[in-house]
Each structure stands twice: as structure tokens, then as C-alpha cells.
Amino acid sequence: FTRHLLMALHEADVERFDVVREELRIAWA
């Protein structure tokens, strides 16, 4: 599931998660 994915990515590395967050927001827009 996507929520499990995002939580796992955030837990693995907070700084790298910024890249994921920005990509999702660009795709959403």
C-alpha cells in the first residue's frame, strides 16, 4: 500500500524523503 511505502521511505531517510514528497506534489498538481 502507498501509505506503508511512504512511511517506510520516511523512516529510512528523512532527507531523501524530501525528493519523494516534491515528486508527489508535482504529479498531483
PDB file of all heavy atoms in Angstrom:
ATOM      1  N   PHE A   1       0.831  -1.200   0.000  1.00  0.00           N
ATOM      2  CA  PHE A   1       0.000   0.000   0.000  1.00  0.00           C
ATOM      3  C   PHE A   1       0.872   1.259   0.000  1.00  0.00           C
ATOM      4  O   PHE A   1       1.989   1.262   0.530  1.00  0.00           O
ATOM      5  CB  PHE A   1      -0.936   0.016   1.209  1.00  0.00           C
ATOM      6  CG  PHE A   1      -1.953  -1.094   1.190  1.00  0.00           C
ATOM      7  CD1 PHE A   1      -1.705  -2.296   1.827  1.00  0.00           C
ATOM      8  CD2 PHE A   1      -3.143  -0.932   0.504  1.00  0.00           C
ATOM      9  CE1 PHE A   1      -2.633  -3.324   1.800  1.00  0.00           C
ATOM     10  CE2 PHE A   1      -4.087  -1.950   0.466  1.00  0.00           C
ATOM     11  CZ  PHE A   1      -3.832  -3.152   1.109  1.00  0.00           C
ATOM     12  N   THR A   2       0.343   2.324  -0.560  1.00  0.00           N
ATOM     13  CA  THR A   2       1.127   3.549  -0.716  1.00  0.00           C
ATOM     14  C   THR A   2       1.472   4.189   0.624  1.00  0.00           C
ATOM     15  O   THR A   2       2.579   4.718   0.784  1.00  0.00           O
ATOM     16  CB  THR A   2       0.377   4.567  -1.583  1.00  0.00           C
ATOM     17  OG1 THR A   2      -0.920   4.836  -1.011  1.00  0.00           O
ATOM     18  CG2 THR A   2       0.184   4.047  -3.000  1.00  0.00           C
ATOM     19  N   ARG A   3       0.546   4.168   1.564  1.00  0.00           N
ATOM     20  CA  ARG A   3       0.860   4.778   2.868  1.00  0.00           C
ATOM     21  C   ARG A   3       1.992   4.016   3.564  1.00  0.00           C
ATOM     22  O   ARG A   3       2.893   4.637   4.140  1.00  0.00           O
ATOM     23  CB  ARG A   3      -0.389   4.822   3.746  1.00  0.00           C
ATOM     24  CG  ARG A   3      -0.191   5.620   5.041  1.00  0.00           C
ATOM     25  CD  ARG A   3      -1.482   5.720   5.812  1.00  0.00           C
ATOM     26  NE  ARG A   3      -2.440   6.595   5.177  1.00  0.00           N
ATOM     27  CZ  ARG A   3      -2.529   7.902   5.419  1.00  0.00           C
ATOM     28  NH1 ARG A   3      -1.710   8.479   6.285  1.00  0.00           N
ATOM     29  NH2 ARG A   3      -3.435   8.628   4.813  1.00  0.00           N
ATOM     30  N   HIS A   4       1.961   2.695   3.492  1.00  0.00           N
ATOM     31  CA  HIS A   4       3.053   1.883   4.032  1.00  0.00           C
ATOM     32  C   HIS A   4       4.363   2.232   3.332  1.00  0.00           C
ATOM     33  O   HIS A   4       5.423   2.370   3.982  1.00  0.00           O
ATOM     34  CB  HIS A   4       2.717   0.399   3.845  1.00  0.00           C
ATOM     35  CG  HIS A   4       3.772  -0.535   4.353  1.00  0.00           C
ATOM     36  ND1 HIS A   4       3.788  -1.877   4.034  1.00  0.00           N
ATOM     37  CD2 HIS A   4       4.865  -0.329   5.137  1.00  0.00           C
ATOM     38  CE1 HIS A   4       4.835  -2.452   4.609  1.00  0.00           C
ATOM     39  NE2 HIS A   4       5.505  -1.539   5.283  1.00  0.00           N
ATOM     40  N   LEU A   5       4.307   2.390   2.017  1.00  0.00           N
ATOM     41  CA  LEU A   5       5.504   2.759   1.257  1.00  0.00           C
ATOM     42  C   LEU A   5       6.097   4.073   1.751  1.00  0.00           C
ATOM     43  O   LEU A   5       7.297   4.159   2.035  1.00  0.00           O
ATOM     44  CB  LEU A   5       5.147   2.868  -0.225  1.00  0.00           C
ATOM     45  CG  LEU A   5       6.231   3.478  -1.123  1.00  0.00           C
ATOM     46  CD1 LEU A   5       7.427   2.543  -1.241  1.00  0.00           C
ATOM     47  CD2 LEU A   5       5.651   3.806  -2.504  1.00  0.00           C
ATOM     48  N   LEU A   6       5.250   5.093   1.847  1.00  0.00           N
ATOM     49  CA  LEU A   6       5.755   6.412   2.223  1.00  0.00           C
ATOM     50  C   LEU A   6       6.288   6.429   3.648  1.00  0.00           C
ATOM     51  O   LEU A   6       7.307   7.071   3.928  1.00  0.00           O
ATOM     52  CB  LEU A   6       4.663   7.465   2.041  1.00  0.00           C
ATOM     53  CG  LEU A   6       4.194   7.674   0.603  1.00  0.00           C
ATOM     54  CD1 LEU A   6       3.163   8.788   0.540  1.00  0.00           C
ATOM     55  CD2 LEU A   6       5.353   7.970  -0.335  1.00  0.00           C
ATOM     56  N   MET A   7       5.628   5.733   4.533  1.00  0.00           N
ATOM     57  CA  MET A   7       6.131   5.662   5.898  1.00  0.00           C
ATOM     58  C   MET A   7       7.477   4.950   5.947  1.00  0.00           C
ATOM     59  O   MET A   7       8.386   5.362   6.685  1.00  0.00           O
ATOM     60  CB  MET A   7       5.119   4.953   6.792  1.00  0.00           C
ATOM     61  CG  MET A   7       3.820   5.724   7.004  1.00  0.00           C
ATOM     62  SD  MET A   7       4.072   7.326   7.826  1.00  0.00           S
ATOM     63  CE  MET A   7       4.590   6.780   9.454  1.00  0.00           C
ATOM     64  N   ALA A   8       7.644   3.900   5.149  1.00  0.00           N
ATOM     65  CA  ALA A   8       8.914   3.177   5.111  1.00  0.00           C
ATOM     66  C   ALA A   8      10.024   4.052   4.543  1.00  0.00           C
ATOM     67  O   ALA A   8      11.163   4.032   5.045  1.00  0.00           O
ATOM     68  CB  ALA A   8       8.764   1.906   4.275  1.00  0.00           C
ATOM     69  N   LEU A   9       9.711   4.826   3.520  1.00  0.00           N
ATOM     70  CA  LEU A   9      10.718   5.707   2.926  1.00  0.00           C
ATOM     71  C   LEU A   9      11.127   6.806   3.893  1.00  0.00           C
ATOM     72  O   LEU A   9      12.311   7.142   4.015  1.00  0.00           O
ATOM     73  CB  LEU A   9      10.179   6.313   1.627  1.00  0.00           C
ATOM     74  CG  LEU A   9       9.863   5.326   0.501  1.00  0.00           C
ATOM     75  CD1 LEU A   9       9.304   6.069  -0.710  1.00  0.00           C
ATOM     76  CD2 LEU A   9      11.094   4.516   0.106  1.00  0.00           C
ATOM     77  N   HIS A  10      10.140   7.376   4.588  1.00  0.00           N
ATOM     78  CA  HIS A  10      10.452   8.421   5.552  1.00  0.00           C
ATOM     79  C   HIS A  10      11.304   7.866   6.689  1.00  0.00           C
ATOM     80  O   HIS A  10      12.270   8.508   7.133  1.00  0.00           O
ATOM     81  CB  HIS A  10       9.164   9.036   6.098  1.00  0.00           C
ATOM     82  CG  HIS A  10       9.406  10.202   7.003  1.00  0.00           C
ATOM     83  ND1 HIS A  10       9.614  10.059   8.355  1.00  0.00           N
ATOM     84  CD2 HIS A  10       9.480  11.536   6.750  1.00  0.00           C
ATOM     85  CE1 HIS A  10       9.795  11.240   8.894  1.00  0.00           C
ATOM     86  NE2 HIS A  10       9.718  12.157   7.956  1.00  0.00           N
ATOM     87  N   GLU A  11      10.959   6.681   7.151  1.00  0.00           N
ATOM     88  CA  GLU A  11      11.715   6.075   8.253  1.00  0.00           C
ATOM     89  C   GLU A  11      13.144   5.758   7.821  1.00  0.00           C
ATOM     90  O   GLU A  11      14.090   5.876   8.619  1.00  0.00           O
ATOM     91  CB  GLU A  11      11.014   4.804   8.723  1.00  0.00           C
ATOM     92  CG  GLU A  11      11.686   4.131   9.910  1.00  0.00           C
ATOM     93  CD  GLU A  11      10.915   2.917  10.389  1.00  0.00           C
ATOM     94  OE1 GLU A  11       9.739   2.770   9.999  1.00  0.00           O
ATOM     95  OE2 GLU A  11      11.496   2.119  11.137  1.00  0.00           O
ATOM     96  N   ALA A  12      13.326   5.374   6.554  1.00  0.00           N
ATOM     97  CA  ALA A  12      14.655   5.026   6.064  1.00  0.00           C
ATOM     98  C   ALA A  12      15.566   6.236   5.999  1.00  0.00           C
ATOM     99  O   ALA A  12      16.754   6.139   6.322  1.00  0.00           O
ATOM    100  CB  ALA A  12      14.556   4.361   4.695  1.00  0.00           C
ATOM    101  N   ASP A  13      15.019   7.383   5.567  1.00  0.00           N
ATOM    102  CA  ASP A  13      15.851   8.583   5.480  1.00  0.00           C
ATOM    103  C   ASP A  13      14.960   9.812   5.268  1.00  0.00           C
ATOM    104  O   ASP A  13      14.295   9.930   4.236  1.00  0.00           O
ATOM    105  CB  ASP A  13      16.849   8.478   4.324  1.00  0.00           C
ATOM    106  CG  ASP A  13      17.894   9.575   4.363  1.00  0.00           C
ATOM    107  OD1 ASP A  13      17.556  10.733   4.061  1.00  0.00           O
ATOM    108  OD2 ASP A  13      19.060   9.270   4.709  1.00  0.00           O
ATOM    109  N   VAL A  14      14.985  10.723   6.241  1.00  0.00           N
ATOM    110  CA  VAL A  14      14.129  11.904   6.188  1.00  0.00           C
ATOM    111  C   VAL A  14      14.538  12.834   5.058  1.00  0.00           C
ATOM    112  O   VAL A  14      13.691  13.391   4.348  1.00  0.00           O
ATOM    113  CB  VAL A  14      14.167  12.645   7.539  1.00  0.00           C
ATOM    114  CG1 VAL A  14      13.394  13.949   7.449  1.00  0.00           C
ATOM    115  CG2 VAL A  14      13.602  11.770   8.644  1.00  0.00           C
ATOM    116  N   GLU A  15      15.831  13.022   4.858  1.00  0.00           N
ATOM    117  CA  GLU A  15      16.296  13.955   3.837  1.00  0.00           C
ATOM    118  C   GLU A  15      15.966  13.449   2.439  1.00  0.00           C
ATOM    119  O   GLU A  15      15.535  14.219   1.583  1.00  0.00           O
ATOM    120  CB  GLU A  15      17.792  14.190   3.988  1.00  0.00           C
ATOM    121  CG  GLU A  15      18.159  14.962   5.259  1.00  0.00           C
ATOM    122  CD  GLU A  15      19.623  15.290   5.317  1.00  0.00           C
ATOM    123  OE1 GLU A  15      20.366  14.951   4.366  1.00  0.00           O
ATOM    124  OE2 GLU A  15      20.052  15.900   6.324  1.00  0.00           O
ATOM    125  N   ARG A  16      16.174  12.169   2.193  1.00  0.00           N
ATOM    126  CA  ARG A  16      15.825  11.622   0.877  1.00  0.00           C
ATOM    127  C   ARG A  16      14.322  11.665   0.643  1.00  0.00           C
ATOM    128  O   ARG A  16      13.864  11.752  -0.510  1.00  0.00           O
ATOM    129  CB  ARG A  16      16.341  10.183   0.758  1.00  0.00           C
ATOM    130  CG  ARG A  16      17.829  10.082   0.487  1.00  0.00           C
ATOM    131  CD  ARG A  16      18.274   8.642   0.366  1.00  0.00           C
ATOM    132  NE  ARG A  16      18.397   8.001   1.664  1.00  0.00           N
ATOM    133  CZ  ARG A  16      18.567   6.690   1.843  1.00  0.00           C
ATOM    134  NH1 ARG A  16      18.612   5.879   0.799  1.00  0.00           N
ATOM    135  NH2 ARG A  16      18.672   6.193   3.069  1.00  0.00           N
ATOM    136  N   PHE A  17      13.536  11.618   1.714  1.00  0.00           N
ATOM    137  CA  PHE A  17      12.084  11.666   1.569  1.00  0.00           C
ATOM    138  C   PHE A  17      11.620  12.996   0.986  1.00  0.00           C
ATOM    139  O   PHE A  17      10.558  13.067   0.361  1.00  0.00           O
ATOM    140  CB  PHE A  17      11.404  11.427   2.917  1.00  0.00           C
ATOM    141  CG  PHE A  17       9.915  11.275   2.819  1.00  0.00           C
ATOM    142  CD1 PHE A  17       9.345  10.114   2.327  1.00  0.00           C
ATOM    143  CD2 PHE A  17       9.073  12.314   3.202  1.00  0.00           C
ATOM    144  CE1 PHE A  17       7.969   9.982   2.224  1.00  0.00           C
ATOM    145  CE2 PHE A  17       7.697  12.186   3.108  1.00  0.00           C
ATOM    146  CZ  PHE A  17       7.143  11.017   2.619  1.00  0.00           C
ATOM    147  N   ASP A  18      12.394  14.058   1.157  1.00  0.00           N
ATOM    148  CA  ASP A  18      12.041  15.343   0.558  1.00  0.00           C
ATOM    149  C   ASP A  18      11.912  15.231  -0.957  1.00  0.00           C
ATOM    150  O   ASP A  18      11.066  15.892  -1.569  1.00  0.00           O
ATOM    151  CB  ASP A  18      13.086  16.403   0.907  1.00  0.00           C
ATOM    152  CG  ASP A  18      13.036  16.829   2.365  1.00  0.00           C
ATOM    153  OD1 ASP A  18      11.994  16.594   3.012  1.00  0.00           O
ATOM    154  OD2 ASP A  18      14.029  17.387   2.854  1.00  0.00           O
ATOM    155  N   VAL A  19      12.754  14.406  -1.575  1.00  0.00           N
ATOM    156  CA  VAL A  19      12.671  14.193  -3.024  1.00  0.00           C
ATOM    157  C   VAL A  19      11.353  13.525  -3.386  1.00  0.00           C
ATOM    158  O   VAL A  19      10.690  13.894  -4.369  1.00  0.00           O
ATOM    159  CB  VAL A  19      13.859  13.329  -3.507  1.00  0.00           C
ATOM    160  CG1 VAL A  19      13.740  13.030  -4.997  1.00  0.00           C
ATOM    161  CG2 VAL A  19      15.177  14.015  -3.191  1.00  0.00           C
ATOM    162  N   VAL A  20      10.946  12.560  -2.595  1.00  0.00           N
ATOM    163  CA  VAL A  20       9.686  11.846  -2.827  1.00  0.00           C
ATOM    164  C   VAL A  20       8.510  12.796  -2.667  1.00  0.00           C
ATOM    165  O   VAL A  20       7.601  12.841  -3.517  1.00  0.00           O
ATOM    166  CB  VAL A  20       9.553  10.655  -1.859  1.00  0.00           C
ATOM    167  CG1 VAL A  20       8.209   9.952  -2.055  1.00  0.00           C
ATOM    168  CG2 VAL A  20      10.702   9.683  -2.045  1.00  0.00           C
ATOM    169  N   ARG A  21       8.509  13.563  -1.588  1.00  0.00           N
ATOM    170  CA  ARG A  21       7.422  14.499  -1.328  1.00  0.00           C
ATOM    171  C   ARG A  21       7.260  15.497  -2.480  1.00  0.00           C
ATOM    172  O   ARG A  21       6.144  15.756  -2.946  1.00  0.00           O
ATOM    173  CB  ARG A  21       7.684  15.249  -0.018  1.00  0.00           C
ATOM    174  CG  ARG A  21       6.561  16.222   0.351  1.00  0.00           C
ATOM    175  CD  ARG A  21       6.950  17.089   1.532  1.00  0.00           C
ATOM    176  NE  ARG A  21       7.063  16.305   2.770  1.00  0.00           N
ATOM    177  CZ  ARG A  21       8.198  16.067   3.400  1.00  0.00           C
ATOM    178  NH1 ARG A  21       9.349  16.533   2.931  1.00  0.00           N
ATOM    179  NH2 ARG A  21       8.203  15.360   4.525  1.00  0.00           N
ATOM    180  N   GLU A  22       8.362  16.045  -2.955  1.00  0.00           N
ATOM    181  CA  GLU A  22       8.295  17.025  -4.041  1.00  0.00           C
ATOM    182  C   GLU A  22       7.779  16.398  -5.331  1.00  0.00           C
ATOM    183  O   GLU A  22       6.980  17.003  -6.049  1.00  0.00           O
ATOM    184  CB  GLU A  22       9.676  17.636  -4.274  1.00  0.00           C
ATOM    185  CG  GLU A  22       9.719  18.721  -5.334  1.00  0.00           C
ATOM    186  CD  GLU A  22       8.858  19.928  -5.005  1.00  0.00           C
ATOM    187  OE1 GLU A  22       8.520  20.126  -3.811  1.00  0.00           O
ATOM    188  OE2 GLU A  22       8.517  20.676  -5.938  1.00  0.00           O
ATOM    189  N   GLU A  23       8.215  15.183  -5.632  1.00  0.00           N
ATOM    190  CA  GLU A  23       7.739  14.496  -6.828  1.00  0.00           C
ATOM    191  C   GLU A  23       6.240  14.254  -6.763  1.00  0.00           C
ATOM    192  O   GLU A  23       5.514  14.458  -7.756  1.00  0.00           O
ATOM    193  CB  GLU A  23       8.471  13.166  -6.996  1.00  0.00           C
ATOM    194  CG  GLU A  23       7.877  12.233  -8.047  1.00  0.00           C
ATOM    195  CD  GLU A  23       7.865  12.810  -9.453  1.00  0.00           C
ATOM    196  OE1 GLU A  23       8.648  13.741  -9.740  1.00  0.00           O
ATOM    197  OE2 GLU A  23       7.073  12.319 -10.281  1.00  0.00           O
ATOM    198  N   LEU A  24       5.738  13.834  -5.607  1.00  0.00           N
ATOM    199  CA  LEU A  24       4.308  13.577  -5.472  1.00  0.00           C
ATOM    200  C   LEU A  24       3.502  14.859  -5.632  1.00  0.00           C
ATOM    201  O   LEU A  24       2.420  14.858  -6.239  1.00  0.00           O
ATOM    202  CB  LEU A  24       4.018  12.928  -4.127  1.00  0.00           C
ATOM    203  CG  LEU A  24       4.571  11.520  -3.915  1.00  0.00           C
ATOM    204  CD1 LEU A  24       4.175  10.990  -2.549  1.00  0.00           C
ATOM    205  CD2 LEU A  24       4.096  10.575  -4.999  1.00  0.00           C
ATOM    206  N   ARG A  25       3.993  15.948  -5.105  1.00  0.00           N
ATOM    207  CA  ARG A  25       3.265  17.211  -5.223  1.00  0.00           C
ATOM    208  C   ARG A  25       3.253  17.719  -6.656  1.00  0.00           C
ATOM    209  O   ARG A  25       2.246  18.264  -7.122  1.00  0.00           O
ATOM    210  CB  ARG A  25       3.873  18.241  -4.265  1.00  0.00           C
ATOM    211  CG  ARG A  25       3.502  17.953  -2.810  1.00  0.00           C
ATOM    212  CD  ARG A  25       4.200  18.854  -1.826  1.00  0.00           C
ATOM    213  NE  ARG A  25       3.636  18.665  -0.484  1.00  0.00           N
ATOM    214  CZ  ARG A  25       4.170  19.147   0.622  1.00  0.00           C
ATOM    215  NH1 ARG A  25       5.309  19.861   0.563  1.00  0.00           N
ATOM    216  NH2 ARG A  25       3.595  18.928   1.799  1.00  0.00           N
ATOM    217  N   ILE A  26       4.348  17.520  -7.367  1.00  0.00           N
ATOM    218  CA  ILE A  26       4.376  17.903  -8.787  1.00  0.00           C
ATOM    219  C   ILE A  26       3.384  17.060  -9.582  1.00  0.00           C
ATOM    220  O   ILE A  26       2.621  17.574 -10.411  1.00  0.00           O
ATOM    221  CB  ILE A  26       5.800  17.742  -9.351  1.00  0.00           C
ATOM    222  CG1 ILE A  26       6.735  18.798  -8.743  1.00  0.00           C
ATOM    223  CG2 ILE A  26       5.796  17.851 -10.873  1.00  0.00           C
ATOM    224  CD1 ILE A  26       8.188  18.573  -9.066  1.00  0.00           C
ATOM    225  N   ALA A  27       3.392  15.746  -9.328  1.00  0.00           N
ATOM    226  CA  ALA A  27       2.470  14.852 -10.032  1.00  0.00           C
ATOM    227  C   ALA A  27       1.025  15.192  -9.697  1.00  0.00           C
ATOM    228  O   ALA A  27       0.147  15.185 -10.577  1.00  0.00           O
ATOM    229  CB  ALA A  27       2.776  13.397  -9.673  1.00  0.00           C
ATOM    230  N   TRP A  28       0.743  15.494  -8.431  1.00  0.00           N
ATOM    231  CA  TRP A  28      -0.622  15.847  -8.013  1.00  0.00           C
ATOM    232  C   TRP A  28      -1.118  17.084  -8.747  1.00  0.00           C
ATOM    233  O   TRP A  28      -2.254  17.106  -9.257  1.00  0.00           O
ATOM    234  CB  TRP A  28      -0.640  16.091  -6.509  1.00  0.00           C
ATOM    235  CG  TRP A  28      -1.987  16.424  -5.943  1.00  0.00           C
ATOM    236  CD1 TRP A  28      -2.893  15.564  -5.416  1.00  0.00           C
ATOM    237  CD2 TRP A  28      -2.578  17.734  -5.840  1.00  0.00           C
ATOM    238  NE1 TRP A  28      -4.007  16.239  -4.994  1.00  0.00           N
ATOM    239  CE2 TRP A  28      -3.841  17.574  -5.237  1.00  0.00           C
ATOM    240  CE3 TRP A  28      -2.148  19.014  -6.190  1.00  0.00           C
ATOM    241  CZ2 TRP A  28      -4.692  18.652  -4.990  1.00  0.00           C
ATOM    242  CZ3 TRP A  28      -2.998  20.096  -5.941  1.00  0.00           C
ATOM    243  CH2 TRP A  28      -4.253  19.908  -5.344  1.00  0.00           C
ATOM    244  N   ALA A  29      -0.290  18.109  -8.810  1.00  0.00           N
ATOM    245  CA  ALA A  29      -0.703  19.343  -9.476  1.00  0.00           C
ATOM    246  C   ALA A  29      -1.010  19.092 -10.945  1.00  0.00           C
ATOM    247  O   ALA A  29      -2.016  19.594 -11.480  1.00  0.00           O
ATOM    248  CB  ALA A  29       0.392  20.402  -9.330  1.00  0.00           C
TER     249      ALA A  29
END
